[in-house]
Amino acid sequence: MTKRANAKYKIDRRMGENIWGRPKSPVNKREYGPGQHGQRRKGKMSDFGTQLRAKQKLKFYYGNLSERQFHSLYVEAVRMTGDSSENLIGLLERRLASVVYRCKWVSTVFAARQFVSHGHVKVNGKRVTIPSIRLKVGDVVELTDKAKEMVAVAEAQASAERDTPDYLEIAASQVKLTRIPALGEVPYPVQMEPNLVVEFYSR
């Protein structure tokens, strides 16, 4: 289990984008970077810099992934048949914490990891506490009886801040992964470029 080393809104400022689409993000008011030199004109970024930023943005979006975990996902994505960048997105979206966040049981990706770690969800009827566990198509995730009564869950579900994607089938307090999503199906608030992530690691 990893611990987030940076405040999420500092990550937004550093990336210069509202990565999670939150209304409270400081980027909504200050689009320039942090620090005393944040408003200086930026020079043209190198190919390496562009690839690095794309990697950081995608890794940060999923909240608590370490570099080791993220690179392992890349290695697995490359070994799979098909487009490596699409495979990478599919692997990231199949993580249990990602599904919990997508179905709006929690308000942030960081809360999703904690929610799973505290034992509030079951997969195919069995309680699971590992946020990184990978779901298969057809797996059913459901809330525990205690979680169904949590105020935070009700507030997250009532929020109009984001929508639930089509590759998740939601019924009451259950959600089913119906297919592995393609990049275009994932509701990212900002543009993600997994192809640049693959280029970064394949240098």
N, C-alpha and C. Protein backbone atom coordinates (compact mmCIF):
# COMPACT_ATOMS: atom_id res chain seq x y z
N MET A 1 0.85 -1.19 0.00
CA MET A 1 0.00 0.00 0.00
C MET A 1 0.88 1.24 0.00
N THR A 2 0.58 2.19 -0.83
CA THR A 2 1.36 3.42 -0.91
C THR A 2 0.61 4.57 -0.28
N LYS A 3 1.36 5.59 0.06
CA LYS A 3 0.78 6.78 0.67
C LYS A 3 1.01 7.97 -0.24
N ARG A 4 -0.02 8.76 -0.42
CA ARG A 4 0.10 9.92 -1.30
C ARG A 4 1.07 10.93 -0.67
N ALA A 5 2.12 11.26 -1.40
CA ALA A 5 3.17 12.13 -0.87
C ALA A 5 2.84 13.60 -1.07
N ASN A 6 1.97 13.92 -2.01
CA ASN A 6 1.66 15.32 -2.32
C ASN A 6 0.18 15.61 -2.17
N ALA A 7 -0.14 16.82 -1.74
CA ALA A 7 -1.53 17.24 -1.70
C ALA A 7 -2.07 17.23 -3.13
N LYS A 8 -3.30 16.74 -3.29
CA LYS A 8 -3.81 16.55 -4.65
C LYS A 8 -3.92 17.86 -5.42
N TYR A 9 -4.20 18.95 -4.74
CA TYR A 9 -4.33 20.21 -5.45
C TYR A 9 -2.97 20.79 -5.84
N LYS A 10 -1.92 20.40 -5.12
CA LYS A 10 -0.57 20.79 -5.54
C LYS A 10 -0.20 20.06 -6.83
N ILE A 11 -0.70 18.84 -6.95
CA ILE A 11 -0.47 18.08 -8.19
C ILE A 11 -1.15 18.79 -9.35
N ASP A 12 -2.38 19.26 -9.13
CA ASP A 12 -3.09 20.01 -10.16
C ASP A 12 -2.28 21.23 -10.61
N ARG A 13 -1.77 21.98 -9.66
CA ARG A 13 -1.00 23.18 -10.01
C ARG A 13 0.24 22.82 -10.81
N ARG A 14 0.90 21.76 -10.38
CA ARG A 14 2.13 21.35 -11.05
C ARG A 14 1.87 20.91 -12.48
N MET A 15 0.79 20.16 -12.67
CA MET A 15 0.42 19.70 -14.01
C MET A 15 -0.21 20.81 -14.86
N GLY A 16 -0.75 21.83 -14.18
CA GLY A 16 -1.41 22.91 -14.90
C GLY A 16 -2.78 22.55 -15.43
N GLU A 17 -3.36 21.47 -14.88
CA GLU A 17 -4.67 21.00 -15.32
C GLU A 17 -5.47 20.51 -14.12
N ASN A 18 -6.78 20.59 -14.23
CA ASN A 18 -7.68 20.08 -13.20
C ASN A 18 -7.87 18.59 -13.47
N ILE A 19 -6.93 17.78 -13.01
CA ILE A 19 -6.84 16.36 -13.39
C ILE A 19 -8.11 15.58 -13.04
N TRP A 20 -8.68 15.87 -11.86
CA TRP A 20 -9.85 15.10 -11.43
C TRP A 20 -11.17 15.81 -11.69
N GLY A 21 -11.10 17.01 -12.28
CA GLY A 21 -12.33 17.74 -12.60
C GLY A 21 -13.07 18.25 -11.38
N ARG A 22 -12.35 18.49 -10.28
CA ARG A 22 -13.02 18.94 -9.07
C ARG A 22 -13.27 20.45 -9.11
N PRO A 23 -14.44 20.92 -8.66
CA PRO A 23 -14.73 22.35 -8.68
C PRO A 23 -13.85 23.17 -7.74
N LYS A 24 -13.28 22.52 -6.73
CA LYS A 24 -12.44 23.23 -5.76
C LYS A 24 -10.99 23.37 -6.19
N SER A 25 -10.65 22.78 -7.33
CA SER A 25 -9.26 22.83 -7.77
C SER A 25 -8.78 24.26 -7.96
N PRO A 26 -7.59 24.61 -7.45
CA PRO A 26 -7.06 25.97 -7.61
C PRO A 26 -6.76 26.33 -9.06
N VAL A 27 -6.64 25.32 -9.93
CA VAL A 27 -6.37 25.59 -11.35
C VAL A 27 -7.54 26.35 -11.97
N ASN A 28 -8.73 26.21 -11.40
CA ASN A 28 -9.89 26.92 -11.91
C ASN A 28 -9.71 28.43 -11.80
N LYS A 29 -8.91 28.86 -10.83
CA LYS A 29 -8.68 30.30 -10.63
C LYS A 29 -7.28 30.72 -11.05
N ARG A 30 -6.31 29.80 -10.89
CA ARG A 30 -4.92 30.13 -11.20
C ARG A 30 -4.36 29.07 -12.13
N GLU A 31 -4.39 29.34 -13.40
CA GLU A 31 -3.94 28.36 -14.39
C GLU A 31 -2.42 28.28 -14.50
N TYR A 32 -1.72 29.23 -13.90
CA TYR A 32 -0.26 29.21 -13.96
C TYR A 32 0.29 28.31 -12.86
N GLY A 33 1.58 27.98 -12.98
CA GLY A 33 2.21 27.05 -12.05
C GLY A 33 2.47 27.66 -10.69
N PRO A 34 2.82 26.83 -9.71
CA PRO A 34 3.08 27.32 -8.36
C PRO A 34 4.45 27.98 -8.24
N GLY A 35 4.66 28.69 -7.15
CA GLY A 35 5.96 29.30 -6.88
C GLY A 35 6.13 30.68 -7.48
N GLN A 36 7.25 31.32 -7.12
CA GLN A 36 7.49 32.69 -7.56
C GLN A 36 7.75 32.80 -9.06
N HIS A 37 8.12 31.70 -9.70
CA HIS A 37 8.37 31.73 -11.14
C HIS A 37 7.24 31.09 -11.94
N GLY A 38 6.13 30.84 -11.28
CA GLY A 38 5.03 30.13 -11.92
C GLY A 38 4.41 30.85 -13.10
N GLN A 39 4.48 32.18 -13.11
CA GLN A 39 3.83 32.94 -14.17
C GLN A 39 4.77 33.28 -15.33
N ARG A 40 5.99 32.80 -15.26
CA ARG A 40 6.93 33.04 -16.35
C ARG A 40 6.50 32.27 -17.60
N ARG A 41 6.85 32.80 -18.74
CA ARG A 41 6.55 32.13 -19.99
C ARG A 41 7.33 30.82 -20.07
N LYS A 42 6.64 29.76 -20.39
CA LYS A 42 7.28 28.46 -20.46
C LYS A 42 7.85 28.22 -21.85
N GLY A 43 9.04 27.66 -21.89
CA GLY A 43 9.65 27.31 -23.16
C GLY A 43 9.02 26.05 -23.73
N LYS A 44 9.38 25.74 -24.96
CA LYS A 44 8.84 24.54 -25.60
C LYS A 44 9.38 23.29 -24.91
N MET A 45 8.49 22.38 -24.57
CA MET A 45 8.88 21.17 -23.86
C MET A 45 9.48 20.16 -24.83
N SER A 46 10.51 19.46 -24.39
CA SER A 46 11.15 18.43 -25.21
C SER A 46 10.23 17.22 -25.31
N ASP A 47 10.56 16.30 -26.23
CA ASP A 47 9.79 15.06 -26.36
C ASP A 47 9.81 14.27 -25.06
N PHE A 48 10.97 14.23 -24.42
CA PHE A 48 11.08 13.52 -23.14
C PHE A 48 10.18 14.17 -22.09
N GLY A 49 10.20 15.50 -22.04
CA GLY A 49 9.37 16.21 -21.07
C GLY A 49 7.89 15.98 -21.30
N THR A 50 7.48 15.96 -22.56
CA THR A 50 6.08 15.71 -22.90
C THR A 50 5.66 14.31 -22.48
N GLN A 51 6.52 13.33 -22.73
CA GLN A 51 6.23 11.95 -22.35
C GLN A 51 6.20 11.78 -20.84
N LEU A 52 7.13 12.43 -20.15
CA LEU A 52 7.19 12.35 -18.69
C LEU A 52 5.93 12.94 -18.07
N ARG A 53 5.50 14.08 -18.59
CA ARG A 53 4.30 14.73 -18.05
C ARG A 53 3.06 13.86 -18.28
N ALA A 54 2.97 13.24 -19.45
CA ALA A 54 1.84 12.35 -19.73
C ALA A 54 1.83 11.17 -18.76
N LYS A 55 3.02 10.64 -18.45
CA LYS A 55 3.12 9.53 -17.50
C LYS A 55 2.73 9.96 -16.10
N GLN A 56 3.22 11.11 -15.67
CA GLN A 56 2.91 11.61 -14.33
C GLN A 56 1.41 11.90 -14.18
N LYS A 57 0.84 12.48 -15.21
CA LYS A 57 -0.58 12.84 -15.15
C LYS A 57 -1.46 11.60 -15.02
N LEU A 58 -1.17 10.57 -15.82
CA LEU A 58 -1.97 9.35 -15.76
C LEU A 58 -1.75 8.63 -14.43
N LYS A 59 -0.53 8.59 -13.96
CA LYS A 59 -0.22 7.92 -12.69
C LYS A 59 -0.86 8.65 -11.52
N PHE A 60 -0.77 9.97 -11.51
CA PHE A 60 -1.37 10.77 -10.43
C PHE A 60 -2.89 10.62 -10.41
N TYR A 61 -3.48 10.50 -11.59
CA TYR A 61 -4.94 10.43 -11.67
C TYR A 61 -5.49 9.27 -10.85
N TYR A 62 -4.78 8.16 -10.87
CA TYR A 62 -5.25 6.97 -10.15
C TYR A 62 -4.83 6.97 -8.68
N GLY A 63 -4.32 8.07 -8.21
CA GLY A 63 -4.22 8.34 -6.78
C GLY A 63 -3.02 7.84 -6.03
N ASN A 64 -2.92 6.56 -5.81
CA ASN A 64 -1.92 6.05 -4.90
C ASN A 64 -1.00 5.01 -5.53
N LEU A 65 -0.84 5.07 -6.83
CA LEU A 65 0.05 4.12 -7.50
C LEU A 65 1.51 4.53 -7.32
N SER A 66 2.33 3.59 -6.93
CA SER A 66 3.76 3.86 -6.86
C SER A 66 4.35 3.71 -8.26
N GLU A 67 5.55 4.19 -8.44
CA GLU A 67 6.21 4.04 -9.74
C GLU A 67 6.40 2.57 -10.09
N ARG A 68 6.70 1.78 -9.08
CA ARG A 68 6.90 0.35 -9.31
C ARG A 68 5.60 -0.31 -9.79
N GLN A 69 4.49 0.01 -9.16
CA GLN A 69 3.20 -0.55 -9.57
C GLN A 69 2.84 -0.13 -10.99
N PHE A 70 3.04 1.16 -11.26
CA PHE A 70 2.67 1.70 -12.57
C PHE A 70 3.51 1.07 -13.68
N HIS A 71 4.81 0.93 -13.42
CA HIS A 71 5.68 0.34 -14.43
C HIS A 71 5.32 -1.13 -14.65
N SER A 72 4.94 -1.82 -13.59
CA SER A 72 4.54 -3.23 -13.72
C SER A 72 3.31 -3.36 -14.61
N LEU A 73 2.39 -2.41 -14.49
CA LEU A 73 1.20 -2.41 -15.34
C LEU A 73 1.59 -2.18 -16.80
N TYR A 74 2.55 -1.29 -17.02
CA TYR A 74 3.03 -1.04 -18.38
C TYR A 74 3.64 -2.31 -18.97
N VAL A 75 4.48 -2.99 -18.20
CA VAL A 75 5.13 -4.22 -18.68
C VAL A 75 4.08 -5.26 -19.06
N GLU A 76 3.04 -5.39 -18.24
CA GLU A 76 1.98 -6.34 -18.53
C GLU A 76 1.19 -5.93 -19.78
N ALA A 77 0.95 -4.61 -19.91
CA ALA A 77 0.20 -4.11 -21.07
C ALA A 77 0.95 -4.40 -22.37
N VAL A 78 2.27 -4.28 -22.36
CA VAL A 78 3.09 -4.52 -23.55
C VAL A 78 3.06 -6.00 -23.92
N ARG A 79 3.02 -6.87 -22.93
CA ARG A 79 3.03 -8.31 -23.19
C ARG A 79 1.69 -8.80 -23.75
N MET A 80 0.63 -8.06 -23.51
CA MET A 80 -0.69 -8.46 -24.00
C MET A 80 -0.81 -8.20 -25.49
N THR A 81 -1.71 -8.92 -26.15
CA THR A 81 -1.95 -8.67 -27.57
C THR A 81 -2.76 -7.39 -27.74
N GLY A 82 -2.62 -6.73 -28.87
CA GLY A 82 -3.36 -5.51 -29.13
C GLY A 82 -2.54 -4.26 -28.83
N ASP A 83 -3.21 -3.13 -28.83
CA ASP A 83 -2.58 -1.83 -28.60
C ASP A 83 -2.15 -1.69 -27.14
N SER A 84 -0.87 -1.43 -26.91
CA SER A 84 -0.34 -1.37 -25.54
C SER A 84 -0.96 -0.24 -24.73
N SER A 85 -1.21 0.92 -25.36
CA SER A 85 -1.78 2.05 -24.63
C SER A 85 -3.22 1.74 -24.21
N GLU A 86 -3.98 1.09 -25.08
CA GLU A 86 -5.35 0.69 -24.72
C GLU A 86 -5.32 -0.38 -23.63
N ASN A 87 -4.38 -1.30 -23.72
CA ASN A 87 -4.24 -2.33 -22.70
C ASN A 87 -3.95 -1.73 -21.33
N LEU A 88 -3.10 -0.70 -21.32
CA LEU A 88 -2.74 -0.03 -20.07
C LEU A 88 -3.96 0.59 -19.41
N ILE A 89 -4.78 1.28 -20.20
CA ILE A 89 -6.01 1.89 -19.66
C ILE A 89 -6.95 0.80 -19.13
N GLY A 90 -7.07 -0.29 -19.87
CA GLY A 90 -7.93 -1.39 -19.43
C GLY A 90 -7.48 -1.96 -18.10
N LEU A 91 -6.17 -2.12 -17.91
CA LEU A 91 -5.64 -2.64 -16.64
C LEU A 91 -5.89 -1.68 -15.49
N LEU A 92 -5.73 -0.40 -15.75
CA LEU A 92 -5.96 0.61 -14.71
C LEU A 92 -7.43 0.67 -14.29
N GLU A 93 -8.32 0.56 -15.27
CA GLU A 93 -9.75 0.66 -14.98
C GLU A 93 -10.32 -0.61 -14.35
N ARG A 94 -9.61 -1.70 -14.45
CA ARG A 94 -10.07 -2.95 -13.85
C ARG A 94 -9.66 -3.08 -12.39
N ARG A 95 -8.86 -2.17 -11.89
CA ARG A 95 -8.51 -2.18 -10.46
C ARG A 95 -9.79 -1.94 -9.63
N LEU A 96 -9.90 -2.63 -8.52
CA LEU A 96 -11.10 -2.50 -7.68
C LEU A 96 -11.33 -1.07 -7.23
N ALA A 97 -10.26 -0.38 -6.83
CA ALA A 97 -10.39 1.00 -6.38
C ALA A 97 -10.94 1.90 -7.50
N SER A 98 -10.54 1.63 -8.74
CA SER A 98 -11.03 2.42 -9.87
C SER A 98 -12.52 2.23 -10.08
N VAL A 99 -12.98 0.97 -9.96
CA VAL A 99 -14.40 0.68 -10.14
C VAL A 99 -15.23 1.31 -9.03
N VAL A 100 -14.74 1.25 -7.80
CA VAL A 100 -15.43 1.88 -6.67
C VAL A 100 -15.57 3.39 -6.90
N TYR A 101 -14.54 4.00 -7.45
CA TYR A 101 -14.60 5.44 -7.75
C TYR A 101 -15.55 5.72 -8.90
N ARG A 102 -15.50 4.91 -9.96
CA ARG A 102 -16.32 5.13 -11.14
C ARG A 102 -17.82 5.01 -10.82
N CYS A 103 -18.19 4.09 -9.93
CA CYS A 103 -19.61 3.89 -9.63
C CYS A 103 -20.13 4.88 -8.57
N LYS A 104 -19.28 5.85 -8.19
CA LYS A 104 -19.70 6.96 -7.33
C LYS A 104 -20.10 6.53 -5.91
N TRP A 105 -19.35 5.57 -5.35
CA TRP A 105 -19.55 5.24 -3.94
C TRP A 105 -18.69 6.13 -3.06
N VAL A 106 -17.70 6.76 -3.66
CA VAL A 106 -16.82 7.70 -2.95
C VAL A 106 -16.64 8.94 -3.82
N SER A 107 -16.12 9.98 -3.22
CA SER A 107 -16.01 11.25 -3.96
C SER A 107 -14.68 11.44 -4.66
N THR A 108 -13.64 10.73 -4.22
CA THR A 108 -12.32 10.90 -4.84
C THR A 108 -11.64 9.55 -5.03
N VAL A 109 -10.62 9.52 -5.87
CA VAL A 109 -9.87 8.28 -6.09
C VAL A 109 -9.08 7.90 -4.84
N PHE A 110 -8.71 8.90 -4.05
CA PHE A 110 -7.97 8.63 -2.83
C PHE A 110 -8.88 7.98 -1.77
N ALA A 111 -10.12 8.44 -1.73
CA ALA A 111 -11.10 7.86 -0.81
C ALA A 111 -11.43 6.43 -1.21
N ALA A 112 -11.35 6.12 -2.50
CA ALA A 112 -11.67 4.78 -2.98
C ALA A 112 -10.71 3.75 -2.40
N ARG A 113 -9.42 4.06 -2.37
CA ARG A 113 -8.44 3.14 -1.81
C ARG A 113 -8.73 2.88 -0.34
N GLN A 114 -8.99 3.95 0.39
CA GLN A 114 -9.28 3.82 1.82
C GLN A 114 -10.58 3.05 2.06
N PHE A 115 -11.56 3.32 1.22
CA PHE A 115 -12.87 2.66 1.34
C PHE A 115 -12.73 1.14 1.21
N VAL A 116 -11.94 0.72 0.22
CA VAL A 116 -11.72 -0.72 0.01
C VAL A 116 -10.88 -1.30 1.16
N SER A 117 -9.83 -0.58 1.54
CA SER A 117 -8.94 -1.06 2.61
C SER A 117 -9.67 -1.28 3.92
N HIS A 118 -10.70 -0.50 4.16
CA HIS A 118 -11.47 -0.61 5.40
C HIS A 118 -12.55 -1.70 5.33
N GLY A 119 -12.58 -2.42 4.22
CA GLY A 119 -13.46 -3.57 4.12
C GLY A 119 -14.92 -3.26 3.85
N HIS A 120 -15.18 -2.19 3.09
CA HIS A 120 -16.57 -1.79 2.83
C HIS A 120 -17.16 -2.39 1.55
N VAL A 121 -16.38 -3.19 0.81
CA VAL A 121 -16.91 -3.77 -0.43
C VAL A 121 -16.68 -5.28 -0.48
N LYS A 122 -17.51 -5.94 -1.27
CA LYS A 122 -17.38 -7.38 -1.51
C LYS A 122 -17.30 -7.60 -3.02
N VAL A 123 -16.51 -8.59 -3.43
CA VAL A 123 -16.40 -8.96 -4.83
C VAL A 123 -16.92 -10.39 -4.97
N ASN A 124 -17.96 -10.54 -5.77
CA ASN A 124 -18.61 -11.85 -5.95
C ASN A 124 -18.98 -12.48 -4.61
N GLY A 125 -19.45 -11.62 -3.69
CA GLY A 125 -19.93 -12.09 -2.40
C GLY A 125 -18.87 -12.23 -1.32
N LYS A 126 -17.61 -12.01 -1.67
CA LYS A 126 -16.52 -12.16 -0.70
C LYS A 126 -15.92 -10.79 -0.37
N ARG A 127 -15.77 -10.52 0.91
CA ARG A 127 -15.20 -9.24 1.34
C ARG A 127 -13.74 -9.13 0.91
N VAL A 128 -13.40 -7.98 0.34
CA VAL A 128 -12.05 -7.75 -0.18
C VAL A 128 -11.50 -6.45 0.39
N THR A 129 -10.22 -6.46 0.77
CA THR A 129 -9.59 -5.26 1.33
C THR A 129 -8.35 -4.82 0.55
N ILE A 130 -8.19 -5.33 -0.66
CA ILE A 130 -7.02 -4.99 -1.48
C ILE A 130 -7.47 -4.10 -2.64
N PRO A 131 -7.15 -2.80 -2.61
CA PRO A 131 -7.62 -1.87 -3.66
C PRO A 131 -7.10 -2.20 -5.05
N SER A 132 -5.94 -2.85 -5.14
CA SER A 132 -5.33 -3.10 -6.45
C SER A 132 -5.80 -4.39 -7.09
N ILE A 133 -6.67 -5.15 -6.42
CA ILE A 133 -7.13 -6.40 -7.00
C ILE A 133 -7.77 -6.13 -8.36
N ARG A 134 -7.51 -7.00 -9.33
CA ARG A 134 -7.98 -6.77 -10.69
C ARG A 134 -9.26 -7.56 -10.96
N LEU A 135 -10.27 -6.86 -11.41
CA LEU A 135 -11.55 -7.50 -11.69
C LEU A 135 -11.55 -8.12 -13.09
N LYS A 136 -12.38 -9.13 -13.25
CA LYS A 136 -12.59 -9.75 -14.56
C LYS A 136 -13.98 -9.35 -15.06
N VAL A 137 -14.16 -9.43 -16.36
CA VAL A 137 -15.48 -9.12 -16.92
C VAL A 137 -16.51 -10.07 -16.31
N GLY A 138 -17.61 -9.50 -15.81
CA GLY A 138 -18.64 -10.30 -15.18
C GLY A 138 -18.59 -10.28 -13.67
N ASP A 139 -17.48 -9.81 -13.10
CA ASP A 139 -17.38 -9.73 -11.64
C ASP A 139 -18.38 -8.71 -11.09
N VAL A 140 -18.93 -9.02 -9.92
CA VAL A 140 -19.92 -8.15 -9.28
C VAL A 140 -19.33 -7.60 -7.99
N VAL A 141 -19.34 -6.29 -7.86
CA VAL A 141 -18.86 -5.62 -6.65
C VAL A 141 -20.07 -5.05 -5.93
N GLU A 142 -20.12 -5.23 -4.62
CA GLU A 142 -21.26 -4.71 -3.86
C GLU A 142 -20.81 -4.12 -2.53
N LEU A 143 -21.63 -3.24 -2.01
CA LEU A 143 -21.37 -2.63 -0.72
C LEU A 143 -21.72 -3.59 0.40
N THR A 144 -21.00 -3.50 1.50
CA THR A 144 -21.38 -4.26 2.69
C THR A 144 -22.60 -3.59 3.32
N ASP A 145 -23.27 -4.29 4.22
CA ASP A 145 -24.46 -3.74 4.86
C ASP A 145 -24.14 -2.45 5.61
N LYS A 146 -22.98 -2.42 6.24
CA LYS A 146 -22.58 -1.22 6.98
C LYS A 146 -22.36 -0.04 6.03
N ALA A 147 -21.72 -0.31 4.88
CA ALA A 147 -21.42 0.75 3.92
C ALA A 147 -22.68 1.34 3.31
N LYS A 148 -23.71 0.52 3.16
CA LYS A 148 -24.96 1.01 2.57
C LYS A 148 -25.59 2.13 3.38
N GLU A 149 -25.28 2.18 4.66
CA GLU A 149 -25.88 3.17 5.56
C GLU A 149 -24.98 4.39 5.78
N MET A 150 -23.81 4.40 5.14
CA MET A 150 -22.87 5.50 5.35
C MET A 150 -23.34 6.77 4.64
N VAL A 151 -23.26 7.88 5.36
CA VAL A 151 -23.67 9.18 4.81
C VAL A 151 -22.77 9.58 3.65
N ALA A 152 -21.47 9.30 3.77
CA ALA A 152 -20.53 9.68 2.72
C ALA A 152 -20.86 9.01 1.39
N VAL A 153 -21.33 7.77 1.45
CA VAL A 153 -21.70 7.05 0.24
C VAL A 153 -22.92 7.69 -0.41
N ALA A 154 -23.90 8.03 0.41
CA ALA A 154 -25.12 8.67 -0.10
C ALA A 154 -24.80 10.02 -0.73
N GLU A 155 -23.91 10.78 -0.12
CA GLU A 155 -23.53 12.10 -0.65
C GLU A 155 -22.78 11.96 -1.97
N ALA A 156 -21.90 10.97 -2.07
CA ALA A 156 -21.14 10.75 -3.31
C ALA A 156 -22.07 10.35 -4.45
N GLN A 157 -23.05 9.50 -4.15
CA GLN A 157 -23.98 9.04 -5.18
C GLN A 157 -24.89 10.17 -5.65
N ALA A 158 -25.19 11.11 -4.77
CA ALA A 158 -26.08 12.21 -5.11
C ALA A 158 -25.36 13.32 -5.89
N SER A 159 -24.03 13.28 -5.89
CA SER A 159 -23.26 14.32 -6.55
C SER A 159 -23.43 14.27 -8.07
N ALA A 160 -23.56 15.46 -8.66
CA ALA A 160 -23.68 15.56 -10.12
C ALA A 160 -22.34 15.92 -10.76
N GLU A 161 -21.28 15.78 -10.00
CA GLU A 161 -19.95 16.20 -10.44
C GLU A 161 -19.41 15.35 -11.59
N ARG A 162 -19.79 14.07 -11.64
CA ARG A 162 -19.31 13.18 -12.70
C ARG A 162 -20.35 12.10 -12.98
N ASP A 163 -20.21 11.46 -14.13
CA ASP A 163 -21.16 10.43 -14.56
C ASP A 163 -20.54 9.04 -14.45
N THR A 164 -21.40 8.04 -14.40
CA THR A 164 -20.95 6.66 -14.36
C THR A 164 -20.79 6.15 -15.80
N PRO A 165 -19.67 5.55 -16.15
CA PRO A 165 -19.45 5.08 -17.53
C PRO A 165 -20.33 3.89 -17.90
N ASP A 166 -20.49 3.67 -19.20
CA ASP A 166 -21.39 2.64 -19.71
C ASP A 166 -20.88 1.22 -19.50
N TYR A 167 -19.58 1.05 -19.28
CA TYR A 167 -19.05 -0.30 -19.12
C TYR A 167 -19.29 -0.87 -17.71
N LEU A 168 -19.96 -0.10 -16.87
CA LEU A 168 -20.35 -0.57 -15.55
C LEU A 168 -21.87 -0.64 -15.49
N GLU A 169 -22.38 -1.77 -15.06
CA GLU A 169 -23.83 -1.97 -14.93
C GLU A 169 -24.19 -1.86 -13.45
N ILE A 170 -24.91 -0.80 -13.11
CA ILE A 170 -25.21 -0.53 -11.70
C ILE A 170 -26.66 -0.84 -11.39
N ALA A 171 -26.86 -1.57 -10.28
CA ALA A 171 -28.20 -1.88 -9.79
C ALA A 171 -28.18 -1.82 -8.28
N ALA A 172 -28.89 -0.84 -7.72
CA ALA A 172 -28.95 -0.66 -6.26
C ALA A 172 -27.53 -0.49 -5.70
N SER A 173 -27.10 -1.39 -4.84
CA SER A 173 -25.79 -1.29 -4.20
C SER A 173 -24.79 -2.26 -4.82
N GLN A 174 -25.03 -2.65 -6.08
CA GLN A 174 -24.12 -3.54 -6.79
C GLN A 174 -23.68 -2.92 -8.10
N VAL A 175 -22.49 -3.31 -8.55
CA VAL A 175 -22.01 -2.87 -9.85
C VAL A 175 -21.30 -4.05 -10.53
N LYS A 176 -21.53 -4.18 -11.82
CA LYS A 176 -20.95 -5.29 -12.58
C LYS A 176 -20.10 -4.73 -13.71
N LEU A 177 -18.90 -5.28 -13.85
CA LEU A 177 -18.02 -4.89 -14.95
C LEU A 177 -18.44 -5.66 -16.19
N THR A 178 -19.03 -4.98 -17.16
CA THR A 178 -19.59 -5.66 -18.33
C THR A 178 -18.56 -5.85 -19.44
N ARG A 179 -17.54 -5.01 -19.50
CA ARG A 179 -16.50 -5.17 -20.52
C ARG A 179 -15.28 -4.34 -20.12
N ILE A 180 -14.18 -4.63 -20.73
CA ILE A 180 -12.96 -3.85 -20.50
C ILE A 180 -13.04 -2.60 -21.37
N PRO A 181 -12.97 -1.42 -20.77
CA PRO A 181 -13.17 -0.19 -21.55
C PRO A 181 -11.99 0.18 -22.44
N ALA A 182 -12.32 0.85 -23.52
CA ALA A 182 -11.30 1.46 -24.38
C ALA A 182 -11.04 2.88 -23.87
N LEU A 183 -9.97 3.48 -24.33
CA LEU A 183 -9.60 4.82 -23.87
C LEU A 183 -10.74 5.81 -24.04
N GLY A 184 -11.43 5.75 -25.20
CA GLY A 184 -12.49 6.71 -25.49
C GLY A 184 -13.71 6.57 -24.60
N GLU A 185 -13.84 5.45 -23.89
CA GLU A 185 -15.00 5.22 -23.03
C GLU A 185 -14.78 5.71 -21.60
N VAL A 186 -13.54 5.93 -21.24
CA VAL A 186 -13.22 6.32 -19.86
C VAL A 186 -13.45 7.82 -19.69
N PRO A 187 -14.26 8.23 -18.74
CA PRO A 187 -14.60 9.66 -18.59
C PRO A 187 -13.54 10.49 -17.86
N TYR A 188 -12.40 10.65 -18.51
CA TYR A 188 -11.35 11.49 -17.93
C TYR A 188 -11.74 12.97 -18.08
N PRO A 189 -11.55 13.78 -17.04
CA PRO A 189 -11.84 15.22 -17.15
C PRO A 189 -10.87 15.96 -18.05
N VAL A 190 -9.67 15.40 -18.21
CA VAL A 190 -8.65 16.01 -19.07
C VAL A 190 -8.16 14.95 -20.06
N GLN A 191 -7.47 15.38 -21.08
CA GLN A 191 -6.98 14.44 -22.09
C GLN A 191 -5.82 13.61 -21.54
N MET A 192 -5.97 12.31 -21.61
CA MET A 192 -4.88 11.41 -21.22
C MET A 192 -4.24 10.85 -22.49
N GLU A 193 -2.94 10.66 -22.44
CA GLU A 193 -2.19 10.20 -23.60
C GLU A 193 -1.34 8.98 -23.25
N PRO A 194 -2.00 7.82 -23.09
CA PRO A 194 -1.25 6.61 -22.73
C PRO A 194 -0.23 6.20 -23.77
N ASN A 195 -0.43 6.63 -25.02
CA ASN A 195 0.55 6.31 -26.06
C ASN A 195 1.90 6.94 -25.75
N LEU A 196 1.86 8.14 -25.13
CA LEU A 196 3.12 8.81 -24.74
C LEU A 196 3.75 8.10 -23.54
N VAL A 197 2.92 7.51 -22.70
CA VAL A 197 3.44 6.74 -21.55
C VAL A 197 4.19 5.52 -22.07
N VAL A 198 3.63 4.86 -23.05
CA VAL A 198 4.30 3.70 -23.66
C VAL A 198 5.62 4.13 -24.29
N GLU A 199 5.62 5.27 -24.97
CA GLU A 199 6.86 5.77 -25.57
C GLU A 199 7.89 6.10 -24.51
N PHE A 200 7.44 6.66 -23.38
CA PHE A 200 8.36 7.02 -22.29
C PHE A 200 9.09 5.80 -21.76
N TYR A 201 8.34 4.75 -21.48
CA TYR A 201 8.94 3.55 -20.90
C TYR A 201 9.72 2.71 -21.92
N SER A 202 9.39 2.85 -23.20
CA SER A 202 10.06 2.03 -24.22
C SER A 202 11.32 2.69 -24.76
N ARG A 203 11.72 3.81 -24.19
CA ARG A 203 12.94 4.48 -24.68
C ARG A 203 14.16 3.57 -24.54
